[in-house]
Amino acid sequence: MSHKNILKLIGCCLESEVHILVFESVENGTLADRIFRSYEPHFEPLLLAHRLKIAMELANAIAYLHFKFPRPIVFRMVDVYSFGVLLLVLLTGLKTHEPPSWITETRLNWNLEHVVKKYIGARENLLILLTGQRVGCHSGPETEDENLSFLAFVKKYFGNNRLDEIVDPIIVGDGLCLEEKQKIQAFTELALKCASESAEDRPTMIDVAKQLRQMYCSGM
């Protein structure tokens, strides 16, 4: 694999029971640092244009993993906290609930339904980028919002045309222009489609990358 947004694999250790992969170091911290510690003085504000570019680049990297290779591969899903927490199997080309031999040989637990749910949950990263809120610690103007799932929380405000109330204050700043509001609306619509439980409703990562590129480049 060779992609500017994917950490390079330096080597591996196969002598331990759990095989260890060694990747290049992430010197500048994680995306979570920039989002959840955004008010620290050494961080520049992560504005809407920055977040659209981040989302676009992540989508490009995932699309590369989905479609570049003829065989499914096991990889660590892009995660907002550490860029590598969720382990799952790319489903491209897999038509069975039985794992290929190369999966069982590496002692990975195989549960297709579980993998799909983890995959959908990981796609909530787009909504984390927009709101700046943690999945398990989200809250809105209404006190009961913290009892909703993160996805239901965003859907509620989106459906009631109150999205600006939960968008990260750094994005909002002193107010949003019409073009920014339209981009946020389109971004949220795309993110909710990505998080859909219906495979038919979820766009491919290539489509996601193209749409994010259009949002990022428009008006730039």
N, C-alpha and C. Protein backbone atom coordinates (compact mmCIF):
# COMPACT_ATOMS: atom_id res chain seq x y z
N MET A 1 0.84 -1.19 0.00
CA MET A 1 0.00 0.00 0.00
C MET A 1 0.87 1.24 0.00
N SER A 2 0.49 2.20 -0.80
CA SER A 2 1.22 3.46 -0.86
C SER A 2 0.23 4.58 -1.07
N HIS A 3 -0.06 5.32 0.00
CA HIS A 3 -1.03 6.41 -0.06
C HIS A 3 -0.61 7.47 0.94
N LYS A 4 -0.70 8.73 0.54
CA LYS A 4 -0.19 9.81 1.39
C LYS A 4 -0.94 9.92 2.72
N ASN A 5 -2.17 9.40 2.79
CA ASN A 5 -2.96 9.51 4.01
C ASN A 5 -3.05 8.20 4.79
N ILE A 6 -2.20 7.26 4.46
CA ILE A 6 -2.17 5.98 5.18
C ILE A 6 -0.77 5.78 5.74
N LEU A 7 -0.68 5.51 7.03
CA LEU A 7 0.62 5.30 7.65
C LEU A 7 1.36 4.15 6.98
N LYS A 8 2.65 4.33 6.76
CA LYS A 8 3.44 3.29 6.11
C LYS A 8 3.75 2.16 7.09
N LEU A 9 3.63 0.95 6.60
CA LEU A 9 3.95 -0.23 7.40
C LEU A 9 5.45 -0.44 7.38
N ILE A 10 6.05 -0.38 8.58
CA ILE A 10 7.50 -0.53 8.68
C ILE A 10 7.89 -2.00 8.81
N GLY A 11 7.13 -2.74 9.60
CA GLY A 11 7.46 -4.15 9.79
C GLY A 11 6.43 -4.84 10.65
N CYS A 12 6.69 -6.09 11.00
CA CYS A 12 5.75 -6.84 11.84
C CYS A 12 6.51 -7.85 12.67
N CYS A 13 5.85 -8.27 13.75
CA CYS A 13 6.40 -9.30 14.62
C CYS A 13 5.41 -10.46 14.68
N LEU A 14 5.83 -11.62 14.24
CA LEU A 14 4.95 -12.79 14.18
C LEU A 14 5.26 -13.80 15.28
N GLU A 15 6.17 -13.46 16.18
CA GLU A 15 6.60 -14.40 17.20
C GLU A 15 5.66 -14.46 18.38
N SER A 16 4.88 -13.40 18.59
CA SER A 16 3.94 -13.37 19.71
C SER A 16 2.60 -13.96 19.29
N GLU A 17 1.78 -14.32 20.29
CA GLU A 17 0.46 -14.91 19.99
C GLU A 17 -0.40 -13.92 19.21
N VAL A 18 -0.34 -12.67 19.62
CA VAL A 18 -1.03 -11.61 18.87
C VAL A 18 0.01 -10.92 17.99
N HIS A 19 -0.15 -11.05 16.69
CA HIS A 19 0.81 -10.47 15.78
C HIS A 19 0.80 -8.95 15.89
N ILE A 20 1.97 -8.36 15.80
CA ILE A 20 2.12 -6.91 15.99
C ILE A 20 2.59 -6.27 14.69
N LEU A 21 1.87 -5.23 14.27
CA LEU A 21 2.27 -4.45 13.11
C LEU A 21 2.90 -3.15 13.59
N VAL A 22 3.96 -2.74 12.93
CA VAL A 22 4.68 -1.52 13.31
C VAL A 22 4.55 -0.52 12.17
N PHE A 23 3.91 0.64 12.47
CA PHE A 23 3.72 1.68 11.47
C PHE A 23 4.59 2.89 11.82
N GLU A 24 4.75 3.77 10.86
CA GLU A 24 5.49 5.00 11.10
C GLU A 24 4.80 5.82 12.18
N SER A 25 5.55 6.65 12.86
CA SER A 25 5.04 7.43 13.98
C SER A 25 4.15 8.58 13.50
N VAL A 26 3.10 8.87 14.30
CA VAL A 26 2.25 10.03 14.05
C VAL A 26 2.79 11.16 14.92
N GLU A 27 3.59 12.02 14.32
CA GLU A 27 4.33 13.00 15.10
C GLU A 27 3.48 14.16 15.60
N ASN A 28 2.45 14.49 14.87
CA ASN A 28 1.68 15.70 15.20
C ASN A 28 0.39 15.41 15.95
N GLY A 29 0.30 14.25 16.58
CA GLY A 29 -0.90 13.93 17.34
C GLY A 29 -2.04 13.43 16.46
N THR A 30 -3.21 13.33 17.04
CA THR A 30 -4.35 12.77 16.34
C THR A 30 -5.38 13.84 16.03
N LEU A 31 -6.32 13.45 15.20
CA LEU A 31 -7.43 14.35 14.89
C LEU A 31 -8.25 14.65 16.14
N ALA A 32 -8.35 13.68 17.03
CA ALA A 32 -9.09 13.89 18.28
C ALA A 32 -8.49 15.04 19.09
N ASP A 33 -7.16 15.14 19.08
CA ASP A 33 -6.52 16.24 19.79
C ASP A 33 -7.00 17.59 19.25
N ARG A 34 -7.08 17.67 17.94
CA ARG A 34 -7.48 18.94 17.31
C ARG A 34 -8.94 19.26 17.54
N ILE A 35 -9.79 18.22 17.61
CA ILE A 35 -11.23 18.45 17.75
C ILE A 35 -11.61 18.69 19.21
N PHE A 36 -11.19 17.78 20.09
CA PHE A 36 -11.66 17.82 21.48
C PHE A 36 -10.82 18.73 22.38
N ARG A 37 -9.65 19.13 21.90
CA ARG A 37 -8.81 20.07 22.66
C ARG A 37 -8.57 21.32 21.83
N SER A 38 -9.59 21.69 21.07
CA SER A 38 -9.44 22.73 20.05
C SER A 38 -9.15 24.11 20.60
N TYR A 39 -9.47 24.34 21.88
CA TYR A 39 -9.27 25.67 22.44
C TYR A 39 -7.88 25.86 23.06
N GLU A 40 -7.05 24.84 22.99
CA GLU A 40 -5.69 25.01 23.49
C GLU A 40 -4.94 25.98 22.58
N PRO A 41 -4.15 26.88 23.16
CA PRO A 41 -3.56 27.98 22.39
C PRO A 41 -2.64 27.56 21.25
N HIS A 42 -2.02 26.37 21.33
CA HIS A 42 -1.08 25.98 20.28
C HIS A 42 -1.78 25.35 19.08
N PHE A 43 -3.12 25.23 19.13
CA PHE A 43 -3.87 24.71 17.99
C PHE A 43 -4.52 25.86 17.23
N GLU A 44 -4.35 25.87 15.91
CA GLU A 44 -5.07 26.82 15.09
C GLU A 44 -6.52 26.37 14.99
N PRO A 45 -7.46 27.31 14.85
CA PRO A 45 -8.89 26.93 14.75
C PRO A 45 -9.13 25.99 13.57
N LEU A 46 -9.89 24.94 13.83
CA LEU A 46 -10.23 23.98 12.79
C LEU A 46 -11.55 24.41 12.15
N LEU A 47 -11.46 25.23 11.12
CA LEU A 47 -12.63 25.83 10.50
C LEU A 47 -13.31 24.85 9.55
N LEU A 48 -14.44 25.29 8.99
CA LEU A 48 -15.23 24.40 8.12
C LEU A 48 -14.41 23.92 6.93
N ALA A 49 -13.67 24.81 6.28
CA ALA A 49 -12.87 24.41 5.12
C ALA A 49 -11.85 23.34 5.50
N HIS A 50 -11.24 23.49 6.69
CA HIS A 50 -10.26 22.49 7.16
C HIS A 50 -10.93 21.13 7.35
N ARG A 51 -12.10 21.14 7.93
CA ARG A 51 -12.79 19.87 8.23
C ARG A 51 -13.28 19.20 6.96
N LEU A 52 -13.71 19.99 5.99
CA LEU A 52 -14.11 19.40 4.71
C LEU A 52 -12.91 18.75 4.03
N LYS A 53 -11.76 19.40 4.11
CA LYS A 53 -10.56 18.82 3.51
C LYS A 53 -10.16 17.53 4.23
N ILE A 54 -10.22 17.54 5.55
CA ILE A 54 -9.90 16.33 6.31
C ILE A 54 -10.83 15.19 5.92
N ALA A 55 -12.14 15.48 5.87
CA ALA A 55 -13.12 14.45 5.50
C ALA A 55 -12.85 13.93 4.10
N MET A 56 -12.53 14.83 3.17
CA MET A 56 -12.26 14.43 1.79
C MET A 56 -11.03 13.52 1.72
N GLU A 57 -9.97 13.91 2.43
CA GLU A 57 -8.74 13.12 2.39
C GLU A 57 -8.94 11.74 3.04
N LEU A 58 -9.70 11.69 4.14
CA LEU A 58 -9.98 10.40 4.77
C LEU A 58 -10.80 9.51 3.85
N ALA A 59 -11.80 10.10 3.18
CA ALA A 59 -12.62 9.32 2.25
C ALA A 59 -11.78 8.79 1.10
N ASN A 60 -10.84 9.60 0.61
CA ASN A 60 -9.95 9.15 -0.46
C ASN A 60 -9.12 7.95 0.00
N ALA A 61 -8.62 8.01 1.23
CA ALA A 61 -7.80 6.93 1.76
C ALA A 61 -8.60 5.65 1.91
N ILE A 62 -9.83 5.77 2.41
CA ILE A 62 -10.66 4.58 2.60
C ILE A 62 -11.09 4.01 1.26
N ALA A 63 -11.41 4.88 0.30
CA ALA A 63 -11.77 4.42 -1.04
C ALA A 63 -10.60 3.65 -1.67
N TYR A 64 -9.40 4.12 -1.42
CA TYR A 64 -8.21 3.43 -1.90
C TYR A 64 -8.14 2.01 -1.33
N LEU A 65 -8.41 1.87 -0.04
CA LEU A 65 -8.39 0.56 0.59
C LEU A 65 -9.52 -0.33 0.09
N HIS A 66 -10.66 0.28 -0.22
CA HIS A 66 -11.82 -0.50 -0.67
C HIS A 66 -11.64 -1.06 -2.08
N PHE A 67 -11.05 -0.28 -2.97
CA PHE A 67 -11.13 -0.62 -4.39
C PHE A 67 -9.80 -0.82 -5.10
N LYS A 68 -8.70 -0.55 -4.43
CA LYS A 68 -7.40 -0.66 -5.10
C LYS A 68 -6.95 -2.10 -5.26
N PHE A 69 -7.38 -2.97 -4.35
CA PHE A 69 -6.83 -4.31 -4.29
C PHE A 69 -7.85 -5.36 -4.70
N PRO A 70 -7.43 -6.42 -5.38
CA PRO A 70 -8.36 -7.45 -5.86
C PRO A 70 -8.92 -8.33 -4.76
N ARG A 71 -8.21 -8.41 -3.62
CA ARG A 71 -8.67 -9.25 -2.50
C ARG A 71 -9.05 -8.36 -1.33
N PRO A 72 -10.03 -8.83 -0.52
CA PRO A 72 -10.34 -8.08 0.71
C PRO A 72 -9.12 -8.07 1.62
N ILE A 73 -8.94 -7.00 2.36
CA ILE A 73 -7.82 -6.92 3.29
C ILE A 73 -8.33 -6.53 4.66
N VAL A 74 -7.56 -6.92 5.67
CA VAL A 74 -7.88 -6.53 7.04
C VAL A 74 -7.08 -5.27 7.34
N PHE A 75 -7.75 -4.26 7.86
CA PHE A 75 -7.05 -3.03 8.17
C PHE A 75 -7.67 -2.39 9.39
N ARG A 76 -6.96 -1.45 9.95
CA ARG A 76 -7.49 -0.72 11.09
C ARG A 76 -8.23 0.49 10.58
N MET A 77 -9.53 0.51 10.86
CA MET A 77 -10.40 1.54 10.33
C MET A 77 -10.00 2.92 10.85
N VAL A 78 -10.07 3.90 9.96
CA VAL A 78 -9.79 5.27 10.36
C VAL A 78 -10.71 5.66 11.51
N ASP A 79 -10.14 6.11 12.58
CA ASP A 79 -10.93 6.45 13.77
C ASP A 79 -10.50 7.82 14.26
N VAL A 80 -11.47 8.62 14.66
CA VAL A 80 -11.17 10.00 15.04
C VAL A 80 -10.29 10.08 16.29
N TYR A 81 -10.28 9.03 17.10
CA TYR A 81 -9.53 9.09 18.35
C TYR A 81 -8.06 8.77 18.14
N SER A 82 -7.76 7.76 17.34
CA SER A 82 -6.36 7.40 17.22
C SER A 82 -5.98 6.99 15.80
N PHE A 83 -6.88 7.15 14.85
CA PHE A 83 -6.65 6.72 13.48
C PHE A 83 -6.36 5.21 13.42
N GLY A 84 -6.87 4.42 14.38
CA GLY A 84 -6.60 3.01 14.29
C GLY A 84 -7.10 2.22 15.47
N VAL A 85 -8.35 2.36 15.85
CA VAL A 85 -8.88 1.63 16.99
C VAL A 85 -9.75 0.47 16.55
N LEU A 86 -10.56 0.67 15.53
CA LEU A 86 -11.51 -0.36 15.14
C LEU A 86 -10.88 -1.29 14.11
N LEU A 87 -10.88 -2.57 14.40
CA LEU A 87 -10.36 -3.57 13.48
C LEU A 87 -11.52 -4.22 12.75
N LEU A 88 -11.53 -4.16 11.43
CA LEU A 88 -12.62 -4.78 10.70
C LEU A 88 -12.15 -5.26 9.35
N VAL A 89 -13.04 -5.97 8.66
CA VAL A 89 -12.69 -6.57 7.38
C VAL A 89 -13.40 -5.82 6.28
N LEU A 90 -12.66 -5.47 5.23
CA LEU A 90 -13.31 -4.86 4.08
C LEU A 90 -14.20 -5.91 3.43
N LEU A 91 -15.44 -5.50 3.13
CA LEU A 91 -16.42 -6.47 2.66
C LEU A 91 -16.48 -6.56 1.15
N THR A 92 -15.70 -5.76 0.44
CA THR A 92 -15.72 -5.79 -1.01
C THR A 92 -15.40 -7.18 -1.52
N GLY A 93 -16.33 -7.77 -2.23
CA GLY A 93 -16.11 -9.07 -2.82
C GLY A 93 -16.48 -10.25 -1.93
N LEU A 94 -16.81 -10.01 -0.66
CA LEU A 94 -17.18 -11.11 0.22
C LEU A 94 -18.68 -11.36 0.13
N LYS A 95 -19.07 -12.54 -0.24
CA LYS A 95 -20.48 -12.88 -0.42
C LYS A 95 -20.94 -13.96 0.55
N THR A 96 -20.13 -14.26 1.54
CA THR A 96 -20.46 -15.35 2.44
C THR A 96 -20.24 -14.94 3.88
N HIS A 97 -20.90 -15.64 4.79
CA HIS A 97 -20.68 -15.38 6.21
C HIS A 97 -19.50 -16.18 6.74
N GLU A 98 -18.91 -17.03 5.90
CA GLU A 98 -17.76 -17.81 6.34
C GLU A 98 -16.48 -17.05 6.04
N PRO A 99 -15.56 -17.01 6.98
CA PRO A 99 -14.32 -16.27 6.76
C PRO A 99 -13.38 -16.99 5.82
N PRO A 100 -12.62 -16.28 4.99
CA PRO A 100 -11.56 -16.91 4.21
C PRO A 100 -10.52 -17.51 5.14
N SER A 101 -9.75 -18.47 4.63
CA SER A 101 -8.78 -19.17 5.47
C SER A 101 -7.74 -18.22 6.04
N TRP A 102 -7.38 -17.17 5.28
CA TRP A 102 -6.34 -16.26 5.76
C TRP A 102 -6.81 -15.44 6.94
N ILE A 103 -8.13 -15.37 7.17
CA ILE A 103 -8.64 -14.69 8.35
C ILE A 103 -8.58 -15.61 9.56
N THR A 104 -9.02 -16.85 9.39
CA THR A 104 -9.02 -17.78 10.52
C THR A 104 -7.60 -18.09 10.96
N GLU A 105 -6.68 -18.10 10.02
CA GLU A 105 -5.29 -18.40 10.36
C GLU A 105 -4.70 -17.32 11.27
N THR A 106 -5.21 -16.08 11.18
CA THR A 106 -4.70 -15.01 12.03
C THR A 106 -5.53 -14.85 13.29
N ARG A 107 -6.44 -15.81 13.54
CA ARG A 107 -7.20 -15.88 14.78
C ARG A 107 -8.11 -14.67 15.01
N LEU A 108 -8.62 -14.11 13.93
CA LEU A 108 -9.56 -13.01 14.07
C LEU A 108 -10.96 -13.57 14.25
N ASN A 109 -11.73 -13.00 15.17
CA ASN A 109 -13.11 -13.40 15.34
C ASN A 109 -13.92 -12.93 14.15
N TRP A 110 -14.74 -13.81 13.59
CA TRP A 110 -15.50 -13.48 12.38
C TRP A 110 -16.98 -13.42 12.72
N ASN A 111 -17.53 -12.26 12.58
CA ASN A 111 -18.96 -12.06 12.75
C ASN A 111 -19.35 -10.94 11.80
N LEU A 112 -19.91 -11.32 10.65
CA LEU A 112 -20.17 -10.36 9.58
C LEU A 112 -21.10 -9.24 10.04
N GLU A 113 -22.15 -9.58 10.79
CA GLU A 113 -23.09 -8.57 11.25
C GLU A 113 -22.39 -7.58 12.18
N HIS A 114 -21.53 -8.10 13.05
CA HIS A 114 -20.80 -7.24 13.98
C HIS A 114 -19.86 -6.31 13.22
N VAL A 115 -19.20 -6.84 12.19
CA VAL A 115 -18.28 -6.05 11.40
C VAL A 115 -19.01 -4.90 10.72
N VAL A 116 -20.18 -5.19 10.14
CA VAL A 116 -20.95 -4.16 9.46
C VAL A 116 -21.36 -3.06 10.44
N LYS A 117 -21.81 -3.45 11.64
CA LYS A 117 -22.21 -2.44 12.64
C LYS A 117 -21.03 -1.57 13.04
N LYS A 118 -19.85 -2.18 13.20
CA LYS A 118 -18.67 -1.41 13.55
C LYS A 118 -18.31 -0.45 12.41
N TYR A 119 -18.48 -0.95 11.18
CA TYR A 119 -18.16 -0.14 10.00
C TYR A 119 -19.06 1.08 9.94
N ILE A 120 -20.36 0.88 10.17
CA ILE A 120 -21.31 1.99 10.16
C ILE A 120 -20.99 2.96 11.28
N GLY A 121 -20.72 2.42 12.47
CA GLY A 121 -20.40 3.29 13.60
C GLY A 121 -19.18 4.14 13.34
N ALA A 122 -18.18 3.58 12.66
CA ALA A 122 -16.98 4.34 12.36
C ALA A 122 -17.28 5.50 11.44
N ARG A 123 -18.28 5.36 10.60
CA ARG A 123 -18.62 6.43 9.66
C ARG A 123 -19.27 7.61 10.37
N GLU A 124 -19.59 7.48 11.63
CA GLU A 124 -20.07 8.62 12.39
C GLU A 124 -18.97 9.67 12.57
N ASN A 125 -17.75 9.31 12.17
CA ASN A 125 -16.65 10.27 12.29
C ASN A 125 -16.95 11.57 11.56
N LEU A 126 -17.69 11.50 10.46
CA LEU A 126 -18.05 12.73 9.74
C LEU A 126 -18.88 13.65 10.64
N LEU A 127 -19.77 13.05 11.42
CA LEU A 127 -20.60 13.85 12.32
C LEU A 127 -19.80 14.38 13.50
N ILE A 128 -18.80 13.63 13.93
CA ILE A 128 -17.91 14.11 14.99
C ILE A 128 -17.13 15.32 14.48
N LEU A 129 -16.67 15.26 13.24
CA LEU A 129 -15.96 16.40 12.65
C LEU A 129 -16.84 17.65 12.64
N LEU A 130 -18.12 17.46 12.39
CA LEU A 130 -19.04 18.59 12.27
C LEU A 130 -19.41 19.17 13.64
N THR A 131 -19.69 18.30 14.60
CA THR A 131 -20.20 18.77 15.89
C THR A 131 -19.11 19.02 16.92
N GLY A 132 -17.98 18.34 16.76
CA GLY A 132 -16.93 18.46 17.76
C GLY A 132 -17.28 17.78 19.07
N GLN A 133 -18.26 16.87 19.04
CA GLN A 133 -18.70 16.21 20.26
C GLN A 133 -18.36 14.72 20.21
N ARG A 134 -18.05 14.18 21.38
CA ARG A 134 -17.76 12.76 21.48
C ARG A 134 -19.05 11.96 21.38
N VAL A 135 -18.95 10.77 20.79
CA VAL A 135 -20.13 9.93 20.58
C VAL A 135 -20.84 9.63 21.89
N GLY A 136 -20.12 9.31 22.94
CA GLY A 136 -20.75 8.93 24.20
C GLY A 136 -20.98 10.09 25.16
N CYS A 137 -20.56 11.30 24.78
CA CYS A 137 -20.66 12.44 25.70
C CYS A 137 -21.27 13.65 25.00
N HIS A 138 -22.19 13.42 24.10
CA HIS A 138 -22.79 14.52 23.35
C HIS A 138 -23.92 15.16 24.15
N SER A 139 -24.18 16.41 23.86
CA SER A 139 -25.28 17.11 24.50
C SER A 139 -25.67 18.31 23.66
N GLY A 140 -26.95 18.70 23.80
CA GLY A 140 -27.47 19.85 23.08
C GLY A 140 -28.18 20.79 24.02
N PRO A 141 -28.86 21.80 23.47
CA PRO A 141 -29.56 22.76 24.31
C PRO A 141 -30.62 22.13 25.21
N GLU A 142 -31.20 21.02 24.76
CA GLU A 142 -32.24 20.37 25.56
C GLU A 142 -31.61 19.31 26.45
N THR A 143 -32.01 19.28 27.70
CA THR A 143 -31.33 18.44 28.70
C THR A 143 -31.44 16.95 28.39
N GLU A 144 -32.50 16.52 27.72
CA GLU A 144 -32.67 15.09 27.49
C GLU A 144 -31.83 14.58 26.33
N ASP A 145 -31.16 15.47 25.60
CA ASP A 145 -30.43 15.06 24.41
C ASP A 145 -29.32 14.07 24.71
N GLU A 146 -28.72 14.16 25.88
CA GLU A 146 -27.62 13.27 26.22
C GLU A 146 -28.08 11.82 26.34
N ASN A 147 -29.39 11.60 26.43
CA ASN A 147 -29.91 10.24 26.53
C ASN A 147 -30.13 9.60 25.15
N LEU A 148 -30.01 10.39 24.10
CA LEU A 148 -30.16 9.87 22.75
C LEU A 148 -28.83 9.27 22.29
N SER A 149 -28.91 8.32 21.36
CA SER A 149 -27.68 7.88 20.71
C SER A 149 -27.12 9.04 19.91
N PHE A 150 -25.84 8.99 19.63
CA PHE A 150 -25.22 10.11 18.92
C PHE A 150 -25.89 10.34 17.57
N LEU A 151 -26.17 9.26 16.86
CA LEU A 151 -26.79 9.38 15.55
C LEU A 151 -28.20 9.97 15.66
N ALA A 152 -28.98 9.47 16.62
CA ALA A 152 -30.34 10.00 16.82
C ALA A 152 -30.30 11.46 17.25
N PHE A 153 -29.29 11.80 18.03
CA PHE A 153 -29.09 13.18 18.48
C PHE A 153 -28.92 14.12 17.30
N VAL A 154 -28.06 13.75 16.35
CA VAL A 154 -27.83 14.60 15.17
C VAL A 154 -29.07 14.62 14.28
N LYS A 155 -29.68 13.46 14.09
CA LYS A 155 -30.88 13.40 13.25
C LYS A 155 -31.98 14.31 13.78
N LYS A 156 -32.11 14.37 15.09
CA LYS A 156 -33.16 15.19 15.70
C LYS A 156 -32.99 16.66 15.34
N TYR A 157 -31.79 17.16 15.52
CA TYR A 157 -31.55 18.58 15.24
C TYR A 157 -31.56 18.85 13.73
N PHE A 158 -31.09 17.90 12.96
CA PHE A 158 -31.11 18.05 11.51
C PHE A 158 -32.55 18.10 11.00
N GLY A 159 -33.39 17.19 11.50
CA GLY A 159 -34.78 17.13 11.07
C GLY A 159 -35.60 18.33 11.49
N ASN A 160 -35.19 18.98 12.58
CA ASN A 160 -35.92 20.15 13.08
C ASN A 160 -35.30 21.47 12.62
N ASN A 161 -34.41 21.38 11.62
CA ASN A 161 -33.74 22.58 11.10
C ASN A 161 -33.03 23.38 12.20
N ARG A 162 -32.42 22.67 13.13
CA ARG A 162 -31.71 23.31 14.24
C ARG A 162 -30.24 22.85 14.29
N LEU A 163 -29.73 22.51 13.13
CA LEU A 163 -28.39 21.95 13.06
C LEU A 163 -27.34 22.91 13.60
N ASP A 164 -27.56 24.22 13.41
CA ASP A 164 -26.58 25.19 13.85
C ASP A 164 -26.38 25.19 15.36
N GLU A 165 -27.35 24.59 16.09
CA GLU A 165 -27.25 24.56 17.56
C GLU A 165 -26.25 23.52 18.05
N ILE A 166 -25.91 22.55 17.20
CA ILE A 166 -24.99 21.51 17.63
C ILE A 166 -23.70 21.48 16.82
N VAL A 167 -23.58 22.36 15.83
CA VAL A 167 -22.33 22.47 15.08
C VAL A 167 -21.26 23.04 15.99
N ASP A 168 -20.04 22.56 15.86
CA ASP A 168 -18.93 23.02 16.69
C ASP A 168 -18.88 24.55 16.67
N PRO A 169 -18.86 25.20 17.85
CA PRO A 169 -18.83 26.66 17.91
C PRO A 169 -17.67 27.28 17.15
N ILE A 170 -16.56 26.54 17.00
CA ILE A 170 -15.43 27.07 16.24
C ILE A 170 -15.80 27.26 14.78
N ILE A 171 -16.65 26.36 14.26
CA ILE A 171 -17.12 26.50 12.87
C ILE A 171 -18.06 27.69 12.76
N VAL A 172 -18.95 27.82 13.72
CA VAL A 172 -19.96 28.88 13.67
C VAL A 172 -19.32 30.25 13.83
N GLY A 173 -18.38 30.39 14.76
CA GLY A 173 -17.73 31.67 14.98
C GLY A 173 -18.73 32.77 15.28
N ASP A 174 -18.64 33.86 14.53
CA ASP A 174 -19.56 34.99 14.70
C ASP A 174 -20.81 34.85 13.84
N GLY A 175 -20.94 33.71 13.18
CA GLY A 175 -22.10 33.49 12.32
C GLY A 175 -21.69 32.83 11.02
N LEU A 176 -22.64 32.16 10.38
CA LEU A 176 -22.38 31.44 9.14
C LEU A 176 -23.04 32.16 7.97
N CYS A 177 -22.31 32.25 6.86
CA CYS A 177 -22.91 32.80 5.66
C CYS A 177 -23.78 31.74 5.01
N LEU A 178 -24.56 32.13 4.00
CA LEU A 178 -25.48 31.20 3.35
C LEU A 178 -24.74 30.03 2.73
N GLU A 179 -23.61 30.29 2.10
CA GLU A 179 -22.85 29.21 1.46
C GLU A 179 -22.35 28.20 2.49
N GLU A 180 -21.89 28.68 3.63
CA GLU A 180 -21.43 27.77 4.68
C GLU A 180 -22.58 26.92 5.21
N LYS A 181 -23.74 27.54 5.39
CA LYS A 181 -24.91 26.79 5.85
C LYS A 181 -25.28 25.70 4.86
N GLN A 182 -25.19 26.01 3.58
CA GLN A 182 -25.52 25.02 2.55
C GLN A 182 -24.53 23.87 2.56
N LYS A 183 -23.26 24.18 2.77
CA LYS A 183 -22.24 23.13 2.83
C LYS A 183 -22.45 22.23 4.05
N ILE A 184 -22.78 22.84 5.18
CA ILE A 184 -23.04 22.06 6.39
C ILE A 184 -24.26 21.17 6.21
N GLN A 185 -25.28 21.69 5.54
CA GLN A 185 -26.47 20.90 5.27
C GLN A 185 -26.13 19.70 4.39
N ALA A 186 -25.40 19.95 3.32
CA ALA A 186 -25.03 18.87 2.40
C ALA A 186 -24.11 17.87 3.08
N PHE A 187 -23.18 18.37 3.89
CA PHE A 187 -22.25 17.50 4.61
C PHE A 187 -23.00 16.58 5.56
N THR A 188 -23.98 17.13 6.28
CA THR A 188 -24.75 16.33 7.23
C THR A 188 -25.60 15.29 6.52
N GLU A 189 -26.23 15.66 5.42
CA GLU A 189 -27.02 14.71 4.64
C GLU A 189 -26.16 13.53 4.20
N LEU A 190 -24.96 13.83 3.72
CA LEU A 190 -24.05 12.77 3.28
C LEU A 190 -23.62 11.90 4.45
N ALA A 191 -23.29 12.52 5.59
CA ALA A 191 -22.86 11.77 6.77
C ALA A 191 -23.95 10.82 7.26
N LEU A 192 -25.20 11.28 7.24
CA LEU A 192 -26.31 10.44 7.69
C LEU A 192 -26.54 9.28 6.74
N LYS A 193 -26.34 9.50 5.45
CA LYS A 193 -26.44 8.40 4.49
C LYS A 193 -25.35 7.36 4.75
N CYS A 194 -24.15 7.84 5.05
CA CYS A 194 -23.03 6.93 5.33
C CYS A 194 -23.31 6.07 6.57
N ALA A 195 -24.07 6.62 7.52
CA ALA A 195 -24.35 5.91 8.77
C ALA A 195 -25.63 5.08 8.70
N SER A 196 -26.25 5.02 7.54
CA SER A 196 -27.49 4.25 7.40
C SER A 196 -27.25 2.77 7.61
N GLU A 197 -28.21 2.09 8.23
CA GLU A 197 -28.10 0.65 8.44
C GLU A 197 -28.41 -0.11 7.16
N SER A 198 -29.04 0.53 6.19
CA SER A 198 -29.37 -0.10 4.93
C SER A 198 -28.20 0.02 3.96
N ALA A 199 -27.71 -1.11 3.49
CA ALA A 199 -26.58 -1.09 2.55
C ALA A 199 -26.95 -0.37 1.27
N GLU A 200 -28.22 -0.45 0.86
CA GLU A 200 -28.65 0.21 -0.36
C GLU A 200 -28.60 1.72 -0.25
N ASP A 201 -28.77 2.23 0.96
CA ASP A 201 -28.76 3.69 1.17
C ASP A 201 -27.36 4.26 1.35
N ARG A 202 -26.40 3.40 1.69
CA ARG A 202 -25.05 3.89 1.94
C ARG A 202 -24.30 4.08 0.63
N PRO A 203 -23.75 5.25 0.39
CA PRO A 203 -22.96 5.46 -0.83
C PRO A 203 -21.62 4.76 -0.73
N THR A 204 -21.01 4.48 -1.88
CA THR A 204 -19.66 3.93 -1.86
C THR A 204 -18.69 5.01 -1.41
N MET A 205 -17.52 4.58 -0.97
CA MET A 205 -16.55 5.57 -0.51
C MET A 205 -16.04 6.42 -1.65
N ILE A 206 -16.07 5.90 -2.87
CA ILE A 206 -15.69 6.71 -4.02
C ILE A 206 -16.68 7.85 -4.20
N ASP A 207 -17.98 7.53 -4.08
CA ASP A 207 -19.01 8.57 -4.18
C ASP A 207 -18.87 9.59 -3.05
N VAL A 208 -18.58 9.09 -1.85
CA VAL A 208 -18.40 9.99 -0.70
C VAL A 208 -17.24 10.94 -0.96
N ALA A 209 -16.13 10.40 -1.44
CA ALA A 209 -14.95 11.23 -1.71
C ALA A 209 -15.25 12.28 -2.77
N LYS A 210 -16.00 11.90 -3.81
CA LYS A 210 -16.33 12.85 -4.87
C LYS A 210 -17.22 13.97 -4.34
N GLN A 211 -18.23 13.61 -3.56
CA GLN A 211 -19.14 14.63 -3.03
C GLN A 211 -18.43 15.57 -2.07
N LEU A 212 -17.55 15.02 -1.24
CA LEU A 212 -16.80 15.87 -0.31
C LEU A 212 -15.86 16.80 -1.06
N ARG A 213 -15.30 16.32 -2.14
CA ARG A 213 -14.43 17.17 -2.95
C ARG A 213 -15.21 18.33 -3.56
N GLN A 214 -16.41 18.04 -4.02
CA GLN A 214 -17.26 19.10 -4.58
C GLN A 214 -17.58 20.15 -3.53
N MET A 215 -17.89 19.70 -2.31
CA MET A 215 -18.18 20.64 -1.23
C MET A 215 -16.96 21.49 -0.91
N TYR A 216 -15.81 20.83 -0.83
CA TYR A 216 -14.59 21.54 -0.45
C TYR A 216 -14.16 22.55 -1.51
N CYS A 217 -14.28 22.17 -2.78
CA CYS A 217 -13.80 23.03 -3.86
C CYS A 217 -14.77 24.13 -4.23
N SER A 218 -16.04 23.97 -3.95
CA SER A 218 -17.01 24.98 -4.34
C SER A 218 -16.81 26.25 -3.53
N GLY A 219 -16.68 27.35 -4.21
CA GLY A 219 -16.54 28.63 -3.54
C GLY A 219 -15.17 28.88 -2.96
N MET A 220 -14.19 27.98 -3.26
CA MET A 220 -12.86 28.16 -2.70
C MET A 220 -12.05 29.10 -3.59
